[in-house]
PDB file of N, CA and C in Angstrom:
ATOM      1  N   MET A   1      72.158 -27.599 -11.401  1.00  0.00           N
ATOM      2  CA  MET A   1      70.911 -26.454 -11.135  1.00  0.00           C
ATOM      3  C   MET A   1      71.307 -25.247 -10.590  1.00  0.00           C
ATOM      4  N   SER A   2      71.455 -24.018 -11.208  1.00  0.00           N
ATOM      5  CA  SER A   2      71.826 -22.872 -10.628  1.00  0.00           C
ATOM      6  C   SER A   2      71.014 -22.423  -9.170  1.00  0.00           C
ATOM      7  N   GLN A   3      71.537 -21.844  -8.377  1.00  0.00           N
ATOM      8  CA  GLN A   3      71.042 -21.127  -7.435  1.00  0.00           C
ATOM      9  C   GLN A   3      70.244 -19.933  -7.621  1.00  0.00           C
ATOM     10  N   ASN A   4      70.567 -19.309  -8.398  1.00  0.00           N
ATOM     11  CA  ASN A   4      70.072 -17.682  -8.852  1.00  0.00           C
ATOM     12  C   ASN A   4      69.123 -17.874  -9.879  1.00  0.00           C
ATOM     13  N   SER A   5      68.079 -17.613  -9.683  1.00  0.00           N
ATOM     14  CA  SER A   5      66.831 -17.704 -10.259  1.00  0.00           C
ATOM     15  C   SER A   5      65.568 -16.640 -10.156  1.00  0.00           C
ATOM     16  N   THR A   6      65.665 -15.840 -11.688  1.00  0.00           N
ATOM     17  CA  THR A   6      65.143 -14.555 -11.643  1.00  0.00           C
ATOM     18  C   THR A   6      63.595 -14.784 -11.748  1.00  0.00           C
ATOM     19  N   CYS A   7      63.186 -16.148 -11.820  1.00  0.00           N
ATOM     20  CA  CYS A   7      61.573 -16.713 -11.640  1.00  0.00           C
ATOM     21  C   CYS A   7      61.177 -17.068 -10.554  1.00  0.00           C
ATOM     22  N   ALA A   8      62.057 -16.700  -9.077  1.00  0.00           N
ATOM     23  CA  ALA A   8      61.605 -17.533  -7.912  1.00  0.00           C
ATOM     24  C   ALA A   8      60.062 -16.952  -7.365  1.00  0.00           C
ATOM     25  N   PRO A   9      59.441 -17.975  -6.901  1.00  0.00           N
ATOM     26  CA  PRO A   9      57.827 -17.732  -6.488  1.00  0.00           C
ATOM     27  C   PRO A   9      57.943 -16.633  -5.518  1.00  0.00           C
ATOM     28  N   ALA A  10      56.898 -16.139  -6.230  1.00  0.00           N
ATOM     29  CA  ALA A  10      56.600 -14.523  -4.952  1.00  0.00           C
ATOM     30  C   ALA A  10      56.787 -14.549  -3.639  1.00  0.00           C
ATOM     31  N   ALA A  11      56.721 -13.805  -2.834  1.00  0.00           N
ATOM     32  CA  ALA A  11      56.686 -14.204  -1.437  1.00  0.00           C
ATOM     33  C   ALA A  11      55.297 -13.103  -1.092  1.00  0.00           C
ATOM     34  N   GLU A  12      54.882 -13.421   0.206  1.00  0.00           N
ATOM     35  CA  GLU A  12      53.574 -12.885   0.381  1.00  0.00           C
ATOM     36  C   GLU A  12      53.586 -11.759   1.413  1.00  0.00           C
ATOM     37  N   SER A  13      55.128 -11.487   1.818  1.00  0.00           N
ATOM     38  CA  SER A  13      55.364 -10.682   2.883  1.00  0.00           C
ATOM     39  C   SER A  13      55.472  -9.076   2.398  1.00  0.00           C
ATOM     40  N   GLY A  14      55.249  -8.691   1.560  1.00  0.00           N
ATOM     41  CA  GLY A  14      55.179  -7.433   1.238  1.00  0.00           C
ATOM     42  C   GLY A  14      55.974  -6.966   0.060  1.00  0.00           C
ATOM     43  N   PRO A  15      56.283  -5.534  -0.338  1.00  0.00           N
ATOM     44  CA  PRO A  15      56.355  -5.313  -1.543  1.00  0.00           C
ATOM     45  C   PRO A  15      58.126  -5.477  -1.567  1.00  0.00           C
ATOM     46  N   GLU A  16      58.825  -5.282  -0.281  1.00  0.00           N
ATOM     47  CA  GLU A  16      60.234  -5.927  -0.402  1.00  0.00           C
ATOM     48  C   GLU A  16      60.858  -7.388  -0.801  1.00  0.00           C
ATOM     49  N   ALA A  17      59.692  -8.119  -0.461  1.00  0.00           N
ATOM     50  CA  ALA A  17      60.103  -9.567  -0.647  1.00  0.00           C
ATOM     51  C   ALA A  17      60.421 -10.018  -1.977  1.00  0.00           C
ATOM     52  N   ASN A  18      61.333 -10.780  -2.152  1.00  0.00           N
ATOM     53  CA  ASN A  18      61.523 -11.180  -3.397  1.00  0.00           C
ATOM     54  C   ASN A  18      61.828 -10.337  -4.757  1.00  0.00           C
ATOM     55  N   ILE A  19      62.335  -9.299  -4.207  1.00  0.00           N
ATOM     56  CA  ILE A  19      62.526  -8.349  -5.407  1.00  0.00           C
ATOM     57  C   ILE A  19      63.359  -8.592  -6.594  1.00  0.00           C
ATOM     58  N   ILE A  20      64.090  -9.692  -6.532  1.00  0.00           N
ATOM     59  CA  ILE A  20      64.707 -10.171  -8.074  1.00  0.00           C
ATOM     60  C   ILE A  20      63.775 -11.150  -8.803  1.00  0.00           C
ATOM     61  N   ASP A  21      62.632 -11.433  -8.357  1.00  0.00           N
ATOM     62  CA  ASP A  21      61.493 -12.386  -9.185  1.00  0.00           C
ATOM     63  C   ASP A  21      60.823 -11.263 -10.249  1.00  0.00           C
ATOM     64  N   THR A  22      61.152 -11.206 -11.289  1.00  0.00           N
ATOM     65  CA  THR A  22      60.167 -10.525 -12.277  1.00  0.00           C
ATOM     66  C   THR A  22      59.656 -10.544 -13.139  1.00  0.00           C
ATOM     67  N   SER A  23      58.732 -12.368 -12.315  1.00  0.00           N
ATOM     68  CA  SER A  23      57.707 -12.509 -13.178  1.00  0.00           C
ATOM     69  C   SER A  23      56.511 -11.606 -13.115  1.00  0.00           C
ATOM     70  N   ALA A  24      55.583 -11.691 -13.756  1.00  0.00           N
ATOM     71  CA  ALA A  24      54.466 -10.646 -13.825  1.00  0.00           C
ATOM     72  C   ALA A  24      53.758 -10.895 -12.812  1.00  0.00           C
ATOM     73  N   PRO A  25      53.073 -12.292 -11.922  1.00  0.00           N
ATOM     74  CA  PRO A  25      52.692 -12.368 -10.697  1.00  0.00           C
ATOM     75  C   PRO A  25      53.269 -11.714  -9.298  1.00  0.00           C
ATOM     76  N   ALA A  26      54.636 -11.869  -9.246  1.00  0.00           N
ATOM     77  CA  ALA A  26      55.346 -11.466  -8.612  1.00  0.00           C
ATOM     78  C   ALA A  26      55.604  -9.298  -8.386  1.00  0.00           C
ATOM     79  N   GLN A  27      55.779  -9.027  -9.993  1.00  0.00           N
ATOM     80  CA  GLN A  27      55.672  -7.735  -9.615  1.00  0.00           C
ATOM     81  C   GLN A  27      54.211  -7.196  -9.384  1.00  0.00           C
ATOM     82  N   ARG A  28      52.957  -7.920  -9.688  1.00  0.00           N
ATOM     83  CA  ARG A  28      51.783  -7.267  -9.314  1.00  0.00           C
ATOM     84  C   ARG A  28      51.554  -7.500  -7.960  1.00  0.00           C
ATOM     85  N   ALA A  29      52.204  -8.599  -7.265  1.00  0.00           N
ATOM     86  CA  ALA A  29      52.082  -8.851  -5.875  1.00  0.00           C
ATOM     87  C   ALA A  29      52.664  -7.588  -4.929  1.00  0.00           C
ATOM     88  N   ARG A  30      54.045  -7.576  -5.318  1.00  0.00           N
ATOM     89  CA  ARG A  30      54.880  -6.092  -5.021  1.00  0.00           C
ATOM     90  C   ARG A  30      54.176  -5.025  -4.917  1.00  0.00           C
ATOM     91  N   LEU A  31      53.661  -4.821  -6.002  1.00  0.00           N
ATOM     92  CA  LEU A  31      52.862  -3.250  -6.459  1.00  0.00           C
ATOM     93  C   LEU A  31      51.771  -3.347  -5.383  1.00  0.00           C
ATOM     94  N   LEU A  32      51.062  -4.413  -5.622  1.00  0.00           N
ATOM     95  CA  LEU A  32      49.912  -4.077  -4.775  1.00  0.00           C
ATOM     96  C   LEU A  32      50.110  -3.914  -3.227  1.00  0.00           C
ATOM     97  N   ALA A  33      51.335  -4.635  -2.861  1.00  0.00           N
ATOM     98  CA  ALA A  33      51.242  -4.734  -1.214  1.00  0.00           C
ATOM     99  C   ALA A  33      51.657  -2.910  -1.054  1.00  0.00           C
ATOM    100  N   ALA A  34      52.612  -2.324  -2.118  1.00  0.00           N
ATOM    101  CA  ALA A  34      52.897  -1.187  -1.653  1.00  0.00           C
ATOM    102  C   ALA A  34      51.390  -0.193  -1.859  1.00  0.00           C
ATOM    103  N   LEU A  35      50.713  -0.389  -2.779  1.00  0.00           N
ATOM    104  CA  LEU A  35      49.594   0.428  -3.072  1.00  0.00           C
ATOM    105  C   LEU A  35      48.626   0.373  -1.757  1.00  0.00           C
ATOM    106  N   ARG A  36      48.551  -0.469  -1.244  1.00  0.00           N
ATOM    107  CA  ARG A  36      47.767  -0.680  -0.049  1.00  0.00           C
ATOM    108  C   ARG A  36      48.523   0.223   1.131  1.00  0.00           C
ATOM    109  N   GLN A  37      49.908   0.313   0.902  1.00  0.00           N
ATOM    110  CA  GLN A  37      50.349   1.088   2.176  1.00  0.00           C
ATOM    111  C   GLN A  37      50.508   2.654   1.726  1.00  0.00           C
ATOM    112  N   ARG A  38      51.018   2.862   0.248  1.00  0.00           N
ATOM    113  CA  ARG A  38      51.246   4.648  -0.290  1.00  0.00           C
ATOM    114  C   ARG A  38      51.013   4.719  -1.481  1.00  0.00           C
ATOM    115  N   ALA A  39      50.904   5.830  -2.443  1.00  0.00           N
ATOM    116  CA  ALA A  39      50.752   5.941  -3.325  1.00  0.00           C
ATOM    117  C   ALA A  39      52.306   5.679  -3.911  1.00  0.00           C
ATOM    118  N   VAL A  40      52.539   5.303  -5.304  1.00  0.00           N
ATOM    119  CA  VAL A  40      53.562   4.974  -5.843  1.00  0.00           C
ATOM    120  C   VAL A  40      53.784   5.452  -7.285  1.00  0.00           C
ATOM    121  N   THR A  41      54.824   5.950  -7.537  1.00  0.00           N
ATOM    122  CA  THR A  41      55.375   6.815  -8.676  1.00  0.00           C
ATOM    123  C   THR A  41      55.961   5.741  -9.862  1.00  0.00           C
ATOM    124  N   THR A  42      56.168   6.191 -11.155  1.00  0.00           N
ATOM    125  CA  THR A  42      56.662   5.408 -12.018  1.00  0.00           C
ATOM    126  C   THR A  42      58.128   5.305 -11.349  1.00  0.00           C
ATOM    127  N   LEU A  43      58.606   6.148 -11.391  1.00  0.00           N
ATOM    128  CA  LEU A  43      60.244   6.251 -10.539  1.00  0.00           C
ATOM    129  C   LEU A  43      60.401   5.240  -9.551  1.00  0.00           C
ATOM    130  N   GLU A  44      59.237   5.293  -8.618  1.00  0.00           N
ATOM    131  CA  GLU A  44      59.545   4.570  -7.587  1.00  0.00           C
ATOM    132  C   GLU A  44      59.464   3.201  -7.627  1.00  0.00           C
ATOM    133  N   ALA A  45      58.479   2.812  -8.460  1.00  0.00           N
ATOM    134  CA  ALA A  45      57.989   1.572  -8.600  1.00  0.00           C
ATOM    135  C   ALA A  45      59.685   0.712  -9.598  1.00  0.00           C
ATOM    136  N   ARG A  46      59.954   1.365 -10.235  1.00  0.00           N
ATOM    137  CA  ARG A  46      61.474   1.199 -10.731  1.00  0.00           C
ATOM    138  C   ARG A  46      62.425   0.775 -10.071  1.00  0.00           C
ATOM    139  N   ARG A  47      62.501   1.751  -9.051  1.00  0.00           N
ATOM    140  CA  ARG A  47      63.662   1.603  -8.120  1.00  0.00           C
ATOM    141  C   ARG A  47      63.409   1.097  -7.148  1.00  0.00           C
ATOM    142  N   ASP A  48      62.326   0.875  -6.312  1.00  0.00           N
ATOM    143  CA  ASP A  48      61.931   0.423  -4.838  1.00  0.00           C
ATOM    144  C   ASP A  48      61.224  -1.230  -5.231  1.00  0.00           C
ATOM    145  N   LEU A  49      60.488  -1.339  -6.211  1.00  0.00           N
ATOM    146  CA  LEU A  49      59.797  -2.553  -6.314  1.00  0.00           C
ATOM    147  C   LEU A  49      60.330  -3.338  -7.518  1.00  0.00           C
ATOM    148  N   ASN A  50      61.325  -3.094  -8.773  1.00  0.00           N
ATOM    149  CA  ASN A  50      61.586  -3.756  -9.606  1.00  0.00           C
ATOM    150  C   ASN A  50      60.660  -4.252 -10.716  1.00  0.00           C
ATOM    151  N   VAL A  51      59.563  -3.137 -10.873  1.00  0.00           N
ATOM    152  CA  VAL A  51      58.709  -3.269 -11.829  1.00  0.00           C
ATOM    153  C   VAL A  51      58.874  -2.191 -13.264  1.00  0.00           C
ATOM    154  N   PHE A  52      59.161  -2.492 -14.085  1.00  0.00           N
ATOM    155  CA  PHE A  52      59.600  -1.395 -15.177  1.00  0.00           C
ATOM    156  C   PHE A  52      58.639  -1.338 -16.243  1.00  0.00           C
ATOM    157  N   VAL A  53      57.299  -2.234 -16.339  1.00  0.00           N
ATOM    158  CA  VAL A  53      56.594  -1.786 -17.009  1.00  0.00           C
ATOM    159  C   VAL A  53      55.178  -1.654 -16.201  1.00  0.00           C
ATOM    160  N   LEU A  54      55.438  -0.579 -15.643  1.00  0.00           N
ATOM    161  CA  LEU A  54      54.127  -0.260 -14.579  1.00  0.00           C
ATOM    162  C   LEU A  54      53.085  -0.292 -15.062  1.00  0.00           C
ATOM    163  N   GLY A  55      52.622   0.606 -16.157  1.00  0.00           N
ATOM    164  CA  GLY A  55      51.524   0.779 -16.768  1.00  0.00           C
ATOM    165  C   GLY A  55      50.599  -0.561 -17.084  1.00  0.00           C
ATOM    166  N   VAL A  56      51.653  -1.668 -17.673  1.00  0.00           N
ATOM    167  CA  VAL A  56      50.774  -2.946 -17.787  1.00  0.00           C
ATOM    168  C   VAL A  56      50.539  -3.746 -16.634  1.00  0.00           C
ATOM    169  N   ARG A  57      51.329  -3.372 -15.557  1.00  0.00           N
ATOM    170  CA  ARG A  57      50.792  -4.117 -14.000  1.00  0.00           C
ATOM    171  C   ARG A  57      49.889  -3.501 -13.649  1.00  0.00           C
ATOM    172  N   ILE A  58      49.607  -2.195 -13.950  1.00  0.00           N
ATOM    173  CA  ILE A  58      48.184  -1.456 -13.143  1.00  0.00           C
ATOM    174  C   ILE A  58      47.335  -1.737 -14.058  1.00  0.00           C
ATOM    175  N   PHE A  59      47.299  -2.037 -15.531  1.00  0.00           N
ATOM    176  CA  PHE A  59      46.027  -2.460 -16.160  1.00  0.00           C
ATOM    177  C   PHE A  59      45.985  -3.714 -15.631  1.00  0.00           C
ATOM    178  N   GLU A  60      46.596  -4.728 -15.365  1.00  0.00           N
ATOM    179  CA  GLU A  60      46.314  -6.445 -15.095  1.00  0.00           C
ATOM    180  C   GLU A  60      45.509  -6.082 -13.636  1.00  0.00           C
ATOM    181  N   LEU A  61      46.139  -5.141 -12.486  1.00  0.00           N
ATOM    182  CA  LEU A  61      45.567  -4.909 -11.153  1.00  0.00           C
ATOM    183  C   LEU A  61      44.306  -4.678 -11.601  1.00  0.00           C
ATOM    184  N   ARG A  62      44.097  -3.497 -12.276  1.00  0.00           N
ATOM    185  CA  ARG A  62      42.650  -2.878 -12.639  1.00  0.00           C
ATOM    186  C   ARG A  62      42.004  -3.892 -12.873  1.00  0.00           C
ATOM    187  N   GLN A  63      42.218  -4.768 -14.068  1.00  0.00           N
ATOM    188  CA  GLN A  63      41.376  -5.972 -14.688  1.00  0.00           C
ATOM    189  C   GLN A  63      41.004  -7.027 -13.473  1.00  0.00           C
ATOM    190  N   GLU A  64      41.509  -6.964 -12.397  1.00  0.00           N
ATOM    191  CA  GLU A  64      41.386  -7.718 -11.447  1.00  0.00           C
ATOM    192  C   GLU A  64      40.492  -7.461 -10.188  1.00  0.00           C
ATOM    193  N   GLY A  65      40.126  -6.003 -10.711  1.00  0.00           N
ATOM    194  CA  GLY A  65      39.186  -5.061 -10.121  1.00  0.00           C
ATOM    195  C   GLY A  65      39.441  -4.290  -9.010  1.00  0.00           C
ATOM    196  N   HIS A  66      40.971  -4.030  -8.680  1.00  0.00           N
ATOM    197  CA  HIS A  66      41.552  -3.353  -7.713  1.00  0.00           C
ATOM    198  C   HIS A  66      41.172  -1.544  -8.197  1.00  0.00           C
ATOM    199  N   PRO A  67      40.760  -0.963  -7.222  1.00  0.00           N
ATOM    200  CA  PRO A  67      40.571   0.301  -7.414  1.00  0.00           C
ATOM    201  C   PRO A  67      41.695   1.359  -7.505  1.00  0.00           C
ATOM    202  N   ILE A  68      42.195   1.239  -8.768  1.00  0.00           N
ATOM    203  CA  ILE A  68      43.618   1.971  -8.805  1.00  0.00           C
ATOM    204  C   ILE A  68      43.365   3.431  -9.701  1.00  0.00           C
ATOM    205  N   VAL A  69      43.658   4.499  -8.746  1.00  0.00           N
ATOM    206  CA  VAL A  69      43.816   5.860  -9.462  1.00  0.00           C
ATOM    207  C   VAL A  69      44.799   6.326  -9.939  1.00  0.00           C
ATOM    208  N   ASN A  70      45.176   7.200 -10.575  1.00  0.00           N
ATOM    209  CA  ASN A  70      46.606   8.118 -11.099  1.00  0.00           C
ATOM    210  C   ASN A  70      46.226   9.476 -11.187  1.00  0.00           C
ATOM    211  N   ARG A  71      47.327  10.011 -11.136  1.00  0.00           N
ATOM    212  CA  ARG A  71      47.370  11.487 -11.182  1.00  0.00           C
ATOM    213  C   ARG A  71      49.037  11.960 -12.084  1.00  0.00           C
ATOM    214  N   LEU A  72      48.971  12.857 -12.423  1.00  0.00           N
ATOM    215  CA  LEU A  72      50.361  13.238 -13.070  1.00  0.00           C
ATOM    216  C   LEU A  72      51.052  14.237 -12.149  1.00  0.00           C
ATOM    217  N   ILE A  73      52.388  14.343 -11.528  1.00  0.00           N
ATOM    218  CA  ILE A  73      52.658  15.048 -10.887  1.00  0.00           C
ATOM    219  C   ILE A  73      54.428  15.557 -11.208  1.00  0.00           C
ATOM    220  N   PRO A  74      54.543  16.678 -11.178  1.00  0.00           N
ATOM    221  CA  PRO A  74      56.039  17.003 -11.262  1.00  0.00           C
ATOM    222  C   PRO A  74      56.882  16.376 -10.201  1.00  0.00           C
ATOM    223  N   LEU A  75      58.037  15.905 -10.344  1.00  0.00           N
ATOM    224  CA  LEU A  75      59.104  15.195  -9.565  1.00  0.00           C
ATOM    225  C   LEU A  75      60.285  15.205  -9.904  1.00  0.00           C
ATOM    226  N   LEU A  76      61.426  15.203  -9.005  1.00  0.00           N
ATOM    227  CA  LEU A  76      62.764  15.330  -9.409  1.00  0.00           C
ATOM    228  C   LEU A  76      63.063  13.693  -9.034  1.00  0.00           C
ATOM    229  N   ASP A  77      64.069  13.256 -10.217  1.00  0.00           N
ATOM    230  CA  ASP A  77      64.668  11.851 -10.501  1.00  0.00           C
ATOM    231  C   ASP A  77      65.886  12.108  -9.429  1.00  0.00           C
ATOM    232  N   ASP A  78      66.322  10.650  -9.215  1.00  0.00           N
ATOM    233  CA  ASP A  78      67.509  10.406  -8.411  1.00  0.00           C
ATOM    234  C   ASP A  78      68.542  11.482  -8.695  1.00  0.00           C
ATOM    235  N   GLN A  79      68.675  11.793  -9.735  1.00  0.00           N
ATOM    236  CA  GLN A  79      69.699  12.541 -10.073  1.00  0.00           C
ATOM    237  C   GLN A  79      69.568  14.216  -9.792  1.00  0.00           C
ATOM    238  N   GLY A  80      68.393  14.273  -9.718  1.00  0.00           N
ATOM    239  CA  GLY A  80      68.262  15.745  -9.314  1.00  0.00           C
ATOM    240  C   GLY A  80      67.405  16.260 -10.560  1.00  0.00           C
ATOM    241  N   ARG A  81      67.004  15.580 -11.692  1.00  0.00           N
ATOM    242  CA  ARG A  81      66.455  16.173 -12.732  1.00  0.00           C
ATOM    243  C   ARG A  81      65.089  16.425 -12.919  1.00  0.00           C
ATOM    244  N   PRO A  82      64.670  17.213 -13.307  1.00  0.00           N
ATOM    245  CA  PRO A  82      63.155  17.807 -13.077  1.00  0.00           C
ATOM    246  C   PRO A  82      62.260  17.031 -14.131  1.00  0.00           C
ATOM    247  N   HIS A  83      60.855  16.080 -13.942  1.00  0.00           N
ATOM    248  CA  HIS A  83      60.058  15.630 -14.816  1.00  0.00           C
ATOM    249  C   HIS A  83      58.992  16.423 -14.352  1.00  0.00           C
ATOM    250  N   SER A  84      58.360  16.645 -15.290  1.00  0.00           N
ATOM    251  CA  SER A  84      56.906  17.531 -15.341  1.00  0.00           C
ATOM    252  C   SER A  84      55.877  16.929 -15.090  1.00  0.00           C
ATOM    253  N   ARG A  85      55.819  15.450 -15.796  1.00  0.00           N
ATOM    254  CA  ARG A  85      54.492  14.880 -15.684  1.00  0.00           C
ATOM    255  C   ARG A  85      55.036  13.164 -15.528  1.00  0.00           C
ATOM    256  N   VAL A  86      54.966  12.865 -13.925  1.00  0.00           N
ATOM    257  CA  VAL A  86      55.152  11.639 -13.793  1.00  0.00           C
ATOM    258  C   VAL A  86      54.082  10.804 -12.928  1.00  0.00           C
ATOM    259  N   ALA A  87      53.268   9.762 -13.622  1.00  0.00           N
ATOM    260  CA  ALA A  87      52.336   9.086 -13.194  1.00  0.00           C
ATOM    261  C   ALA A  87      52.501   8.688 -11.740  1.00  0.00           C
ATOM    262  N   GLN A  88      51.671   9.166 -10.815  1.00  0.00           N
ATOM    263  CA  GLN A  88      51.714   8.696  -9.478  1.00  0.00           C
ATOM    264  C   GLN A  88      50.376   8.060  -9.368  1.00  0.00           C
ATOM    265  N   TYR A  89      50.471   6.320  -8.584  1.00  0.00           N
ATOM    266  CA  TYR A  89      49.310   5.746  -8.819  1.00  0.00           C
ATOM    267  C   TYR A  89      49.061   5.557  -7.031  1.00  0.00           C
ATOM    268  N   SER A  90      47.577   5.412  -6.665  1.00  0.00           N
ATOM    269  CA  SER A  90      47.410   4.784  -5.387  1.00  0.00           C
ATOM    270  C   SER A  90      45.742   4.346  -5.145  1.00  0.00           C
ATOM    271  N   MET A  91      45.471   4.013  -4.456  1.00  0.00           N
ATOM    272  CA  MET A  91      44.186   2.794  -4.399  1.00  0.00           C
ATOM    273  C   MET A  91      43.159   4.191  -3.724  1.00  0.00           C
ATOM    274  N   GLN A  92      42.038   3.696  -4.522  1.00  0.00           N
ATOM    275  CA  GLN A  92      41.055   4.855  -4.429  1.00  0.00           C
ATOM    276  C   GLN A  92      40.200   4.033  -3.056  1.00  0.00           C
ATOM    277  N   GLN A  93      39.631   4.904  -2.519  1.00  0.00           N
ATOM    278  CA  GLN A  93      38.852   4.808  -1.025  1.00  0.00           C
ATOM    279  C   GLN A  93      37.756   3.879  -1.472  1.00  0.00           C
ATOM    280  N   GLU A  94      37.587   2.680  -1.082  1.00  0.00           N
ATOM    281  CA  GLU A  94      36.344   1.976  -1.270  1.00  0.00           C
ATOM    282  C   GLU A  94      35.165   2.038  -0.321  1.00  0.00           C
ATOM    283  N   VAL A  95      34.102   2.517  -0.854  1.00  0.00           N
ATOM    284  CA  VAL A  95      32.945   2.459   0.089  1.00  0.00           C
ATOM    285  C   VAL A  95      32.072   1.739   0.336  1.00  0.00           C
ATOM    286  N   ALA A  96      32.127   1.310   1.658  1.00  0.00           N
ATOM    287  CA  ALA A  96      31.753   0.227   2.182  1.00  0.00           C
ATOM    288  C   ALA A  96      29.597   0.326   1.989  1.00  0.00           C
TER     289      ALA A  96
END
């Protein structure tokens, strides 16, 4: 049996943990951990979190009750190319 698995169990220690795990639960865990720390753009989710279908993961997290909001921002990609409408997601402040 191979030691290399793309569906290893998701770690609980933050967005960088188990970055090769591409299962939906692992992607949601990494994304949620990152959103609790900062806003995340589509480009960052792909590059830093290994989340390639961000809209679906955001939908799933919202279905779980997480208050995630988004806005469209202009942004340069890693190659310096401008993009006029990149989605940026963040956690909405919860009212106690």
